[in-house]
PDB file of N, CA and C in Angstrom:
ATOM      1  N   UNK A   1     -36.616   9.852 -27.334  1.00  0.00           N
ATOM      2  CA  UNK A   1     -35.809   8.655 -27.442  1.00  0.00           C
ATOM      3  C   UNK A   1     -34.392   8.888 -26.902  1.00  0.00           C
ATOM      4  N   UNK A   2     -33.777  10.002 -27.288  1.00  0.00           N
ATOM      5  CA  UNK A   2     -32.431  10.326 -26.829  1.00  0.00           C
ATOM      6  C   UNK A   2     -32.439  10.543 -25.315  1.00  0.00           C
ATOM      7  N   UNK A   3     -33.475  11.194 -24.821  1.00  0.00           N
ATOM      8  CA  UNK A   3     -33.585  11.440 -23.385  1.00  0.00           C
ATOM      9  C   UNK A   3     -33.668  10.123 -22.617  1.00  0.00           C
ATOM     10  N   UNK A   4     -34.430   9.182 -23.139  1.00  0.00           N
ATOM     11  CA  UNK A   4     -34.558   7.877 -22.484  1.00  0.00           C
ATOM     12  C   UNK A   4     -33.213   7.159 -22.443  1.00  0.00           C
ATOM     13  N   UNK A   5     -32.440   7.254 -23.510  1.00  0.00           N
ATOM     14  CA  UNK A   5     -31.117   6.628 -23.546  1.00  0.00           C
ATOM     15  C   UNK A   5     -30.170   7.277 -22.541  1.00  0.00           C
ATOM     16  N   UNK A   6     -30.249   8.588 -22.433  1.00  0.00           N
ATOM     17  CA  UNK A   6     -29.405   9.297 -21.472  1.00  0.00           C
ATOM     18  C   UNK A   6     -29.777   8.894 -20.047  1.00  0.00           C
ATOM     19  N   UNK A   7     -31.074   8.827 -19.767  1.00  0.00           N
ATOM     20  CA  UNK A   7     -31.538   8.421 -18.441  1.00  0.00           C
ATOM     21  C   UNK A   7     -31.061   7.005 -18.128  1.00  0.00           C
ATOM     22  N   UNK A   8     -31.183   6.095 -19.097  1.00  0.00           N
ATOM     23  CA  UNK A   8     -30.725   4.714 -18.894  1.00  0.00           C
ATOM     24  C   UNK A   8     -29.217   4.660 -18.658  1.00  0.00           C
ATOM     25  N   UNK A   9     -28.466   5.479 -19.387  1.00  0.00           N
ATOM     26  CA  UNK A   9     -27.013   5.514 -19.210  1.00  0.00           C
ATOM     27  C   UNK A   9     -26.655   6.011 -17.815  1.00  0.00           C
ATOM     28  N   UNK A  10     -27.349   7.029 -17.343  1.00  0.00           N
ATOM     29  CA  UNK A  10     -27.092   7.567 -16.004  1.00  0.00           C
ATOM     30  C   UNK A  10     -27.444   6.533 -14.936  1.00  0.00           C
ATOM     31  N   UNK A  11     -28.587   5.881 -15.087  1.00  0.00           N
ATOM     32  CA  UNK A  11     -28.998   4.854 -14.125  1.00  0.00           C
ATOM     33  C   UNK A  11     -27.983   3.716 -14.091  1.00  0.00           C
ATOM     34  N   UNK A  12     -27.531   3.296 -15.261  1.00  0.00           N
ATOM     35  CA  UNK A  12     -26.531   2.231 -15.342  1.00  0.00           C
ATOM     36  C   UNK A  12     -25.228   2.652 -14.680  1.00  0.00           C
ATOM     37  N   UNK A  13     -24.798   3.876 -14.935  1.00  0.00           N
ATOM     38  CA  UNK A  13     -23.551   4.372 -14.341  1.00  0.00           C
ATOM     39  C   UNK A  13     -23.660   4.427 -12.820  1.00  0.00           C
ATOM     40  N   UNK A  14     -24.782   4.886 -12.308  1.00  0.00           N
ATOM     41  CA  UNK A  14     -24.985   4.956 -10.859  1.00  0.00           C
ATOM     42  C   UNK A  14     -24.996   3.550 -10.258  1.00  0.00           C
ATOM     43  N   UNK A  15     -25.684   2.626 -10.914  1.00  0.00           N
ATOM     44  CA  UNK A  15     -25.743   1.250 -10.414  1.00  0.00           C
ATOM     45  C   UNK A  15     -24.354   0.615 -10.401  1.00  0.00           C
ATOM     46  N   UNK A  16     -23.584   0.813 -11.464  1.00  0.00           N
ATOM     47  CA  UNK A  16     -22.227   0.268 -11.510  1.00  0.00           C
ATOM     48  C   UNK A  16     -21.337   0.910 -10.451  1.00  0.00           C
ATOM     49  N   UNK A  17     -21.487   2.204 -10.253  1.00  0.00           N
ATOM     50  CA  UNK A  17     -20.715   2.892  -9.221  1.00  0.00           C
ATOM     51  C   UNK A  17     -21.047   2.368  -7.836  1.00  0.00           C
ATOM     52  N   UNK A  18     -22.325   2.148  -7.567  1.00  0.00           N
ATOM     53  CA  UNK A  18     -22.739   1.615  -6.266  1.00  0.00           C
ATOM     54  C   UNK A  18     -22.204   0.204  -6.065  1.00  0.00           C
ATOM     55  N   UNK A  19     -22.283  -0.621  -7.104  1.00  0.00           N
ATOM     56  CA  UNK A  19     -21.753  -1.984  -7.014  1.00  0.00           C
ATOM     57  C   UNK A  19     -20.253  -1.960  -6.744  1.00  0.00           C
ATOM     58  N   UNK A  20     -19.526  -1.109  -7.459  1.00  0.00           N
ATOM     59  CA  UNK A  20     -18.081  -1.019  -7.283  1.00  0.00           C
ATOM     60  C   UNK A  20     -17.740  -0.580  -5.860  1.00  0.00           C
ATOM     61  N   UNK A  21     -18.465   0.402  -5.350  1.00  0.00           N
ATOM     62  CA  UNK A  21     -18.219   0.893  -3.993  1.00  0.00           C
ATOM     63  C   UNK A  21     -18.421  -0.222  -2.970  1.00  0.00           C
ATOM     64  N   UNK A  22     -19.530  -0.932  -3.080  1.00  0.00           N
ATOM     65  CA  UNK A  22     -19.838  -1.989  -2.121  1.00  0.00           C
ATOM     66  C   UNK A  22     -18.845  -3.138  -2.236  1.00  0.00           C
ATOM     67  N   UNK A  23     -18.453  -3.484  -3.457  1.00  0.00           N
ATOM     68  CA  UNK A  23     -17.578  -4.645  -3.638  1.00  0.00           C
ATOM     69  C   UNK A  23     -16.129  -4.363  -3.270  1.00  0.00           C
ATOM     70  N   UNK A  24     -15.722  -3.109  -3.220  1.00  0.00           N
ATOM     71  CA  UNK A  24     -14.321  -2.814  -2.927  1.00  0.00           C
ATOM     72  C   UNK A  24     -14.081  -2.265  -1.526  1.00  0.00           C
ATOM     73  N   UNK A  25     -15.125  -1.916  -0.809  1.00  0.00           N
ATOM     74  CA  UNK A  25     -14.887  -1.397   0.541  1.00  0.00           C
ATOM     75  C   UNK A  25     -14.524  -2.548   1.468  1.00  0.00           C
ATOM     76  N   UNK A  26     -13.785  -2.233   2.464  1.00  0.00           N
ATOM     77  CA  UNK A  26     -13.306  -3.251   3.388  1.00  0.00           C
ATOM     78  C   UNK A  26     -14.117  -3.248   4.677  1.00  0.00           C
ATOM     79  N   UNK A  27     -14.368  -4.424   5.180  1.00  0.00           N
ATOM     80  CA  UNK A  27     -15.020  -4.529   6.471  1.00  0.00           C
ATOM     81  C   UNK A  27     -13.998  -4.157   7.554  1.00  0.00           C
ATOM     82  N   UNK A  28     -14.442  -3.811   8.752  1.00  0.00           N
ATOM     83  CA  UNK A  28     -13.515  -3.380   9.810  1.00  0.00           C
ATOM     84  C   UNK A  28     -12.441  -4.416  10.148  1.00  0.00           C
ATOM     85  N   UNK A  29     -12.794  -5.697  10.129  1.00  0.00           N
ATOM     86  CA  UNK A  29     -11.806  -6.740  10.435  1.00  0.00           C
ATOM     87  C   UNK A  29     -10.683  -6.733   9.401  1.00  0.00           C
ATOM     88  N   UNK A  30     -11.040  -6.754   8.122  1.00  0.00           N
ATOM     89  CA  UNK A  30     -10.026  -6.756   7.057  1.00  0.00           C
ATOM     90  C   UNK A  30      -9.191  -5.492   7.104  1.00  0.00           C
ATOM     91  N   UNK A  31      -9.845  -4.365   7.324  1.00  0.00           N
ATOM     92  CA  UNK A  31      -9.124  -3.097   7.407  1.00  0.00           C
ATOM     93  C   UNK A  31      -8.091  -3.146   8.531  1.00  0.00           C
ATOM     94  N   UNK A  32      -8.484  -3.692   9.678  1.00  0.00           N
ATOM     95  CA  UNK A  32      -7.554  -3.798  10.813  1.00  0.00           C
ATOM     96  C   UNK A  32      -6.375  -4.702  10.482  1.00  0.00           C
ATOM     97  N   UNK A  33      -6.655  -5.863   9.899  1.00  0.00           N
ATOM     98  CA  UNK A  33      -5.587  -6.815   9.578  1.00  0.00           C
ATOM     99  C   UNK A  33      -4.629  -6.240   8.543  1.00  0.00           C
ATOM    100  N   UNK A  34      -5.169  -5.570   7.533  1.00  0.00           N
ATOM    101  CA  UNK A  34      -4.325  -5.032   6.465  1.00  0.00           C
ATOM    102  C   UNK A  34      -3.509  -3.825   6.914  1.00  0.00           C
ATOM    103  N   UNK A  35      -3.927  -3.176   7.993  1.00  0.00           N
ATOM    104  CA  UNK A  35      -3.198  -2.007   8.489  1.00  0.00           C
ATOM    105  C   UNK A  35      -1.974  -2.400   9.320  1.00  0.00           C
ATOM    106  N   UNK A  36      -1.881  -3.666   9.674  1.00  0.00           N
ATOM    107  CA  UNK A  36      -0.797  -4.130  10.544  1.00  0.00           C
ATOM    108  C   UNK A  36       0.357  -4.716   9.740  1.00  0.00           C
ATOM    109  N   UNK A  37       1.550  -4.614  10.292  1.00  0.00           N
ATOM    110  CA  UNK A  37       2.713  -5.296   9.724  1.00  0.00           C
ATOM    111  C   UNK A  37       2.810  -6.653  10.402  1.00  0.00           C
ATOM    112  N   UNK A  38       2.649  -7.698   9.623  1.00  0.00           N
ATOM    113  CA  UNK A  38       2.655  -9.035  10.185  1.00  0.00           C
ATOM    114  C   UNK A  38       4.046  -9.559  10.485  1.00  0.00           C
ATOM    115  N   UNK A  39       4.099 -10.512  11.390  1.00  0.00           N
ATOM    116  CA  UNK A  39       5.330 -11.189  11.772  1.00  0.00           C
ATOM    117  C   UNK A  39       5.387 -12.524  11.027  1.00  0.00           C
ATOM    118  N   UNK A  40       6.338 -12.663  10.112  1.00  0.00           N
ATOM    119  CA  UNK A  40       6.429 -13.851   9.260  1.00  0.00           C
ATOM    120  C   UNK A  40       6.609 -15.121  10.090  1.00  0.00           C
ATOM    121  N   UNK A  41       7.464 -15.072  11.123  1.00  0.00           N
ATOM    122  CA  UNK A  41       7.717 -16.269  11.926  1.00  0.00           C
ATOM    123  C   UNK A  41       6.453 -16.735  12.647  1.00  0.00           C
ATOM    124  N   UNK A  42       5.714 -15.787  13.206  1.00  0.00           N
ATOM    125  CA  UNK A  42       4.465 -16.166  13.873  1.00  0.00           C
ATOM    126  C   UNK A  42       3.454 -16.658  12.851  1.00  0.00           C
ATOM    127  N   UNK A  43       3.429 -16.038  11.677  1.00  0.00           N
ATOM    128  CA  UNK A  43       2.542 -16.497  10.609  1.00  0.00           C
ATOM    129  C   UNK A  43       2.861 -17.918  10.173  1.00  0.00           C
ATOM    130  N   UNK A  44       4.154 -18.249  10.102  1.00  0.00           N
ATOM    131  CA  UNK A  44       4.564 -19.612   9.738  1.00  0.00           C
ATOM    132  C   UNK A  44       4.094 -20.608  10.792  1.00  0.00           C
ATOM    133  N   UNK A  45       4.196 -20.206  12.052  1.00  0.00           N
ATOM    134  CA  UNK A  45       3.737 -21.072  13.141  1.00  0.00           C
ATOM    135  C   UNK A  45       2.227 -21.290  13.046  1.00  0.00           C
ATOM    136  N   UNK A  46       1.473 -20.218  12.819  1.00  0.00           N
ATOM    137  CA  UNK A  46       0.024 -20.341  12.659  1.00  0.00           C
ATOM    138  C   UNK A  46      -0.316 -21.245  11.480  1.00  0.00           C
ATOM    139  N   UNK A  47       0.426 -21.098  10.394  1.00  0.00           N
ATOM    140  CA  UNK A  47       0.190 -21.914   9.203  1.00  0.00           C
ATOM    141  C   UNK A  47       0.431 -23.391   9.508  1.00  0.00           C
ATOM    142  N   UNK A  48       1.544 -23.701  10.156  1.00  0.00           N
ATOM    143  CA  UNK A  48       1.863 -25.101  10.477  1.00  0.00           C
ATOM    144  C   UNK A  48       0.779 -25.730  11.352  1.00  0.00           C
ATOM    145  N   UNK A  49       0.285 -24.971  12.313  1.00  0.00           N
ATOM    146  CA  UNK A  49      -0.708 -25.495  13.255  1.00  0.00           C
ATOM    147  C   UNK A  49      -2.090 -25.625  12.617  1.00  0.00           C
ATOM    148  N   UNK A  50      -2.490 -24.637  11.822  1.00  0.00           N
ATOM    149  CA  UNK A  50      -3.876 -24.558  11.367  1.00  0.00           C
ATOM    150  C   UNK A  50      -4.113 -24.878   9.895  1.00  0.00           C
ATOM    151  N   UNK A  51      -3.092 -24.795   9.068  1.00  0.00           N
ATOM    152  CA  UNK A  51      -3.305 -24.877   7.620  1.00  0.00           C
ATOM    153  C   UNK A  51      -2.556 -26.021   6.942  1.00  0.00           C
ATOM    154  N   UNK A  52      -1.386 -26.365   7.466  1.00  0.00           N
ATOM    155  CA  UNK A  52      -0.506 -27.322   6.788  1.00  0.00           C
ATOM    156  C   UNK A  52      -1.124 -28.704   6.635  1.00  0.00           C
ATOM    157  N   UNK A  53      -2.014 -29.089   7.522  1.00  0.00           N
ATOM    158  CA  UNK A  53      -2.647 -30.400   7.423  1.00  0.00           C
ATOM    159  C   UNK A  53      -3.368 -30.612   6.106  1.00  0.00           C
ATOM    160  N   UNK A  54      -3.921 -29.552   5.549  1.00  0.00           N
ATOM    161  CA  UNK A  54      -4.631 -29.650   4.266  1.00  0.00           C
ATOM    162  C   UNK A  54      -3.845 -29.044   3.105  1.00  0.00           C
ATOM    163  N   UNK A  55      -3.080 -27.995   3.390  1.00  0.00           N
ATOM    164  CA  UNK A  55      -2.388 -27.276   2.310  1.00  0.00           C
ATOM    165  C   UNK A  55      -0.916 -27.661   2.173  1.00  0.00           C
ATOM    166  N   UNK A  56      -0.420 -28.535   3.047  1.00  0.00           N
ATOM    167  CA  UNK A  56       0.973 -28.968   2.975  1.00  0.00           C
ATOM    168  C   UNK A  56       1.883 -28.055   3.768  1.00  0.00           C
ATOM    169  N   UNK A  57       2.944 -28.615   4.300  1.00  0.00           N
ATOM    170  CA  UNK A  57       3.864 -27.871   5.161  1.00  0.00           C
ATOM    171  C   UNK A  57       4.494 -26.688   4.433  1.00  0.00           C
ATOM    172  N   UNK A  58       4.670 -26.800   3.125  1.00  0.00           N
ATOM    173  CA  UNK A  58       5.236 -25.704   2.333  1.00  0.00           C
ATOM    174  C   UNK A  58       4.173 -25.040   1.462  1.00  0.00           C
ATOM    175  N   UNK A  59       2.897 -25.310   1.764  1.00  0.00           N
ATOM    176  CA  UNK A  59       1.818 -24.721   0.982  1.00  0.00           C
ATOM    177  C   UNK A  59       1.665 -25.335  -0.394  1.00  0.00           C
ATOM    178  N   UNK A  60       2.231 -26.527  -0.604  1.00  0.00           N
ATOM    179  CA  UNK A  60       2.229 -27.148  -1.920  1.00  0.00           C
ATOM    180  C   UNK A  60       0.890 -27.784  -2.285  1.00  0.00           C
ATOM    181  N   UNK A  61      -0.001 -27.890  -1.317  1.00  0.00           N
ATOM    182  CA  UNK A  61      -1.308 -28.482  -1.564  1.00  0.00           C
ATOM    183  C   UNK A  61      -1.320 -29.963  -1.237  1.00  0.00           C
ATOM    184  N   UNK A  62      -2.353 -30.392  -0.560  1.00  0.00           N
ATOM    185  CA  UNK A  62      -2.602 -31.806  -0.267  1.00  0.00           C
ATOM    186  C   UNK A  62      -4.077 -32.025  -0.536  1.00  0.00           C
ATOM    187  N   UNK A  63      -4.870 -32.072   0.513  1.00  0.00           N
ATOM    188  CA  UNK A  63      -6.320 -32.121   0.370  1.00  0.00           C
ATOM    189  C   UNK A  63      -6.816 -30.769  -0.139  1.00  0.00           C
ATOM    190  N   UNK A  64      -6.256 -29.703   0.417  1.00  0.00           N
ATOM    191  CA  UNK A  64      -6.577 -28.350  -0.020  1.00  0.00           C
ATOM    192  C   UNK A  64      -5.656 -27.938  -1.158  1.00  0.00           C
ATOM    193  N   UNK A  65      -5.998 -26.870  -1.845  1.00  0.00           N
ATOM    194  CA  UNK A  65      -5.192 -26.430  -2.991  1.00  0.00           C
ATOM    195  C   UNK A  65      -3.829 -25.876  -2.579  1.00  0.00           C
ATOM    196  N   UNK A  66      -2.942 -25.809  -3.534  1.00  0.00           N
ATOM    197  CA  UNK A  66      -1.632 -25.201  -3.316  1.00  0.00           C
ATOM    198  C   UNK A  66      -1.810 -23.726  -2.983  1.00  0.00           C
ATOM    199  N   UNK A  67      -1.036 -23.268  -2.032  1.00  0.00           N
ATOM    200  CA  UNK A  67      -1.043 -21.850  -1.680  1.00  0.00           C
ATOM    201  C   UNK A  67       0.249 -21.172  -2.113  1.00  0.00           C
ATOM    202  N   UNK A  68       1.090 -21.886  -2.831  1.00  0.00           N
ATOM    203  CA  UNK A  68       2.307 -21.277  -3.343  1.00  0.00           C
ATOM    204  C   UNK A  68       1.914 -20.221  -4.367  1.00  0.00           C
ATOM    205  N   UNK A  69       2.450 -19.027  -4.199  1.00  0.00           N
ATOM    206  CA  UNK A  69       2.166 -17.860  -5.047  1.00  0.00           C
ATOM    207  C   UNK A  69       0.704 -17.414  -4.976  1.00  0.00           C
ATOM    208  N   UNK A  70      -0.006 -17.790  -3.911  1.00  0.00           N
ATOM    209  CA  UNK A  70      -1.407 -17.387  -3.792  1.00  0.00           C
ATOM    210  C   UNK A  70      -1.551 -15.867  -3.743  1.00  0.00           C
ATOM    211  N   UNK A  71      -0.564 -15.182  -3.160  1.00  0.00           N
ATOM    212  CA  UNK A  71      -0.663 -13.722  -3.060  1.00  0.00           C
ATOM    213  C   UNK A  71      -0.400 -13.039  -4.393  1.00  0.00           C
ATOM    214  N   UNK A  72       0.085 -13.778  -5.376  1.00  0.00           N
ATOM    215  CA  UNK A  72       0.214 -13.233  -6.729  1.00  0.00           C
ATOM    216  C   UNK A  72      -1.080 -13.429  -7.509  1.00  0.00           C
ATOM    217  N   UNK A  73      -1.885 -14.397  -7.088  1.00  0.00           N
ATOM    218  CA  UNK A  73      -3.132 -14.706  -7.792  1.00  0.00           C
ATOM    219  C   UNK A  73      -4.343 -13.999  -7.207  1.00  0.00           C
ATOM    220  N   UNK A  74      -4.283 -13.674  -5.919  1.00  0.00           N
ATOM    221  CA  UNK A  74      -5.443 -13.085  -5.255  1.00  0.00           C
ATOM    222  C   UNK A  74      -5.007 -11.944  -4.354  1.00  0.00           C
ATOM    223  N   UNK A  75      -5.822 -10.896  -4.272  1.00  0.00           N
ATOM    224  CA  UNK A  75      -5.484  -9.796  -3.352  1.00  0.00           C
ATOM    225  C   UNK A  75      -5.654 -10.241  -1.898  1.00  0.00           C
ATOM    226  N   UNK A  76      -4.937  -9.574  -1.014  1.00  0.00           N
ATOM    227  CA  UNK A  76      -4.987  -9.926   0.409  1.00  0.00           C
ATOM    228  C   UNK A  76      -6.405  -9.906   0.955  1.00  0.00           C
ATOM    229  N   UNK A  77      -7.201  -8.933   0.573  1.00  0.00           N
ATOM    230  CA  UNK A  77      -8.572  -8.851   1.111  1.00  0.00           C
ATOM    231  C   UNK A  77      -9.388 -10.074   0.718  1.00  0.00           C
ATOM    232  N   UNK A  78      -9.139 -10.609  -0.477  1.00  0.00           N
ATOM    233  CA  UNK A  78      -9.829 -11.816  -0.924  1.00  0.00           C
ATOM    234  C   UNK A  78      -9.356 -13.035  -0.134  1.00  0.00           C
ATOM    235  N   UNK A  79      -8.079 -13.086   0.155  1.00  0.00           N
ATOM    236  CA  UNK A  79      -7.530 -14.186   0.954  1.00  0.00           C
ATOM    237  C   UNK A  79      -8.114 -14.149   2.364  1.00  0.00           C
ATOM    238  N   UNK A  80      -8.194 -12.963   2.936  1.00  0.00           N
ATOM    239  CA  UNK A  80      -8.791 -12.823   4.272  1.00  0.00           C
ATOM    240  C   UNK A  80     -10.219 -13.350   4.256  1.00  0.00           C
ATOM    241  N   UNK A  81     -10.991 -12.927   3.272  1.00  0.00           N
ATOM    242  CA  UNK A  81     -12.387 -13.368   3.187  1.00  0.00           C
ATOM    243  C   UNK A  81     -12.466 -14.890   3.087  1.00  0.00           C
ATOM    244  N   UNK A  82     -11.620 -15.463   2.255  1.00  0.00           N
ATOM    245  CA  UNK A  82     -11.598 -16.919   2.078  1.00  0.00           C
ATOM    246  C   UNK A  82     -11.332 -17.623   3.405  1.00  0.00           C
ATOM    247  N   UNK A  83     -10.416 -17.106   4.173  1.00  0.00           N
ATOM    248  CA  UNK A  83     -10.014 -17.751   5.431  1.00  0.00           C
ATOM    249  C   UNK A  83     -11.099 -17.632   6.499  1.00  0.00           C
ATOM    250  N   UNK A  84     -11.692 -16.468   6.640  1.00  0.00           N
ATOM    251  CA  UNK A  84     -12.608 -16.253   7.767  1.00  0.00           C
ATOM    252  C   UNK A  84     -14.070 -16.547   7.454  1.00  0.00           C
ATOM    253  N   UNK A  85     -14.437 -16.657   6.182  1.00  0.00           N
ATOM    254  CA  UNK A  85     -15.858 -16.758   5.845  1.00  0.00           C
ATOM    255  C   UNK A  85     -16.458 -18.142   6.032  1.00  0.00           C
ATOM    256  N   UNK A  86     -15.691 -19.190   5.773  1.00  0.00           N
ATOM    257  CA  UNK A  86     -16.263 -20.530   5.807  1.00  0.00           C
ATOM    258  C   UNK A  86     -17.173 -20.811   4.627  1.00  0.00           C
ATOM    259  N   UNK A  87     -17.086 -19.995   3.584  1.00  0.00           N
ATOM    260  CA  UNK A  87     -17.969 -20.133   2.419  1.00  0.00           C
ATOM    261  C   UNK A  87     -17.509 -21.184   1.417  1.00  0.00           C
ATOM    262  N   UNK A  88     -16.338 -21.762   1.619  1.00  0.00           N
ATOM    263  CA  UNK A  88     -15.831 -22.729   0.644  1.00  0.00           C
ATOM    264  C   UNK A  88     -15.488 -24.050   1.326  1.00  0.00           C
ATOM    265  N   UNK A  89     -16.532 -24.828   1.665  1.00  0.00           N
ATOM    266  CA  UNK A  89     -16.270 -26.125   2.276  1.00  0.00           C
ATOM    267  C   UNK A  89     -15.416 -26.983   1.345  1.00  0.00           C
ATOM    268  N   UNK A  90     -14.584 -27.823   1.856  1.00  0.00           N
ATOM    269  CA  UNK A  90     -14.526 -28.281   3.244  1.00  0.00           C
ATOM    270  C   UNK A  90     -13.680 -27.406   4.161  1.00  0.00           C
ATOM    271  N   UNK A  91     -13.155 -26.284   3.654  1.00  0.00           N
ATOM    272  CA  UNK A  91     -12.337 -25.431   4.521  1.00  0.00           C
ATOM    273  C   UNK A  91     -13.221 -24.808   5.599  1.00  0.00           C
ATOM    274  N   UNK A  92     -12.867 -25.025   6.856  1.00  0.00           N
ATOM    275  CA  UNK A  92     -13.683 -24.459   7.932  1.00  0.00           C
ATOM    276  C   UNK A  92     -13.443 -22.958   8.088  1.00  0.00           C
ATOM    277  N   UNK A  93     -14.401 -22.324   8.702  1.00  0.00           N
ATOM    278  CA  UNK A  93     -14.239 -20.917   9.061  1.00  0.00           C
ATOM    279  C   UNK A  93     -13.130 -20.833  10.107  1.00  0.00           C
ATOM    280  N   UNK A  94     -12.217 -19.906   9.914  1.00  0.00           N
ATOM    281  CA  UNK A  94     -11.072 -19.773  10.814  1.00  0.00           C
ATOM    282  C   UNK A  94     -11.159 -18.422  11.492  1.00  0.00           C
ATOM    283  N   UNK A  95     -11.375 -18.430  12.801  1.00  0.00           N
ATOM    284  CA  UNK A  95     -11.477 -17.190  13.560  1.00  0.00           C
ATOM    285  C   UNK A  95     -10.126 -16.884  14.178  1.00  0.00           C
ATOM    286  N   UNK A  96      -9.617 -15.717  13.870  1.00  0.00           N
ATOM    287  CA  UNK A  96      -8.294 -15.312  14.335  1.00  0.00           C
ATOM    288  C   UNK A  96      -8.305 -13.802  14.530  1.00  0.00           C
ATOM    289  N   UNK A  97      -7.551 -13.329  15.484  1.00  0.00           N
ATOM    290  CA  UNK A  97      -7.439 -11.886  15.720  1.00  0.00           C
ATOM    291  C   UNK A  97      -6.790 -11.220  14.502  1.00  0.00           C
ATOM    292  N   UNK A  98      -7.058  -9.927  14.269  1.00  0.00           N
ATOM    293  CA  UNK A  98      -6.436  -9.231  13.135  1.00  0.00           C
ATOM    294  C   UNK A  98      -4.909  -9.328  13.122  1.00  0.00           C
ATOM    295  N   UNK A  99      -4.289  -9.320  14.306  1.00  0.00           N
ATOM    296  CA  UNK A  99      -2.828  -9.434  14.372  1.00  0.00           C
ATOM    297  C   UNK A  99      -2.360 -10.776  13.810  1.00  0.00           C
ATOM    298  N   UNK A 100      -3.061 -11.836  14.173  1.00  0.00           N
ATOM    299  CA  UNK A 100      -2.729 -13.158  13.658  1.00  0.00           C
ATOM    300  C   UNK A 100      -2.944 -13.253  12.160  1.00  0.00           C
ATOM    301  N   UNK A 101      -4.010 -12.622  11.672  1.00  0.00           N
ATOM    302  CA  UNK A 101      -4.262 -12.622  10.230  1.00  0.00           C
ATOM    303  C   UNK A 101      -3.148 -11.883   9.499  1.00  0.00           C
ATOM    304  N   UNK A 102      -2.698 -10.762  10.054  1.00  0.00           N
ATOM    305  CA  UNK A 102      -1.587 -10.024   9.439  1.00  0.00           C
ATOM    306  C   UNK A 102      -0.337 -10.894   9.402  1.00  0.00           C
ATOM    307  N   UNK A 103      -0.099 -11.647  10.472  1.00  0.00           N
ATOM    308  CA  UNK A 103       1.049 -12.550  10.517  1.00  0.00           C
ATOM    309  C   UNK A 103       0.912 -13.642   9.455  1.00  0.00           C
ATOM    310  N   UNK A 104      -0.263 -14.231   9.357  1.00  0.00           N
ATOM    311  CA  UNK A 104      -0.499 -15.294   8.382  1.00  0.00           C
ATOM    312  C   UNK A 104      -0.338 -14.778   6.953  1.00  0.00           C
ATOM    313  N   UNK A 105      -0.863 -13.594   6.675  1.00  0.00           N
ATOM    314  CA  UNK A 105      -0.693 -13.003   5.338  1.00  0.00           C
ATOM    315  C   UNK A 105       0.777 -12.754   5.029  1.00  0.00           C
ATOM    316  N   UNK A 106       1.512 -12.277   6.024  1.00  0.00           N
ATOM    317  CA  UNK A 106       2.949 -12.052   5.814  1.00  0.00           C
ATOM    318  C   UNK A 106       3.642 -13.353   5.441  1.00  0.00           C
ATOM    319  N   UNK A 107       3.276 -14.421   6.111  1.00  0.00           N
ATOM    320  CA  UNK A 107       3.863 -15.721   5.774  1.00  0.00           C
ATOM    321  C   UNK A 107       3.446 -16.165   4.373  1.00  0.00           C
ATOM    322  N   UNK A 108       2.176 -16.015   4.037  1.00  0.00           N
ATOM    323  CA  UNK A 108       1.715 -16.426   2.702  1.00  0.00           C
ATOM    324  C   UNK A 108       2.470 -15.684   1.603  1.00  0.00           C
ATOM    325  N   UNK A 109       2.854 -14.452   1.870  1.00  0.00           N
ATOM    326  CA  UNK A 109       3.637 -13.692   0.883  1.00  0.00           C
ATOM    327  C   UNK A 109       5.023 -14.305   0.667  1.00  0.00           C
ATOM    328  N   UNK A 110       5.513 -15.076   1.619  1.00  0.00           N
ATOM    329  CA  UNK A 110       6.825 -15.711   1.435  1.00  0.00           C
ATOM    330  C   UNK A 110       6.731 -16.977   0.594  1.00  0.00           C
ATOM    331  N   UNK A 111       5.533 -17.463   0.340  1.00  0.00           N
ATOM    332  CA  UNK A 111       5.360 -18.682  -0.445  1.00  0.00           C
ATOM    333  C   UNK A 111       5.430 -18.416  -1.945  1.00  0.00           C
ATOM    334  N   UNK A 112       5.761 -17.204  -2.331  1.00  0.00           N
ATOM    335  CA  UNK A 112       5.835 -16.860  -3.759  1.00  0.00           C
ATOM    336  C   UNK A 112       7.130 -17.323  -4.378  1.00  0.00           C
TER     337      UNK A 112
END
């Protein structure tokens, strides 16, 4: 009985470790974007052109949710996924080079 419990504990620990590893590793795109120092001014320009129509010129939210202090609520990797995945309609998938994503993230950090 004790042996079975130990085996179950080990299996559970391995499964949790594998889940944690997979859920926290970064894809190459995110890794590239996060490794760059973004340009806030270019990020603001990208935001005005691509995001402000739904999120408001100051990120206050319109059709889309407020993005003010979004970087305090969510990690950058999660924000990147949200932007590029297209998994949360009606927000469209947004394809942008890693440099542009770094710029956009830098701008989002100023909305705090």
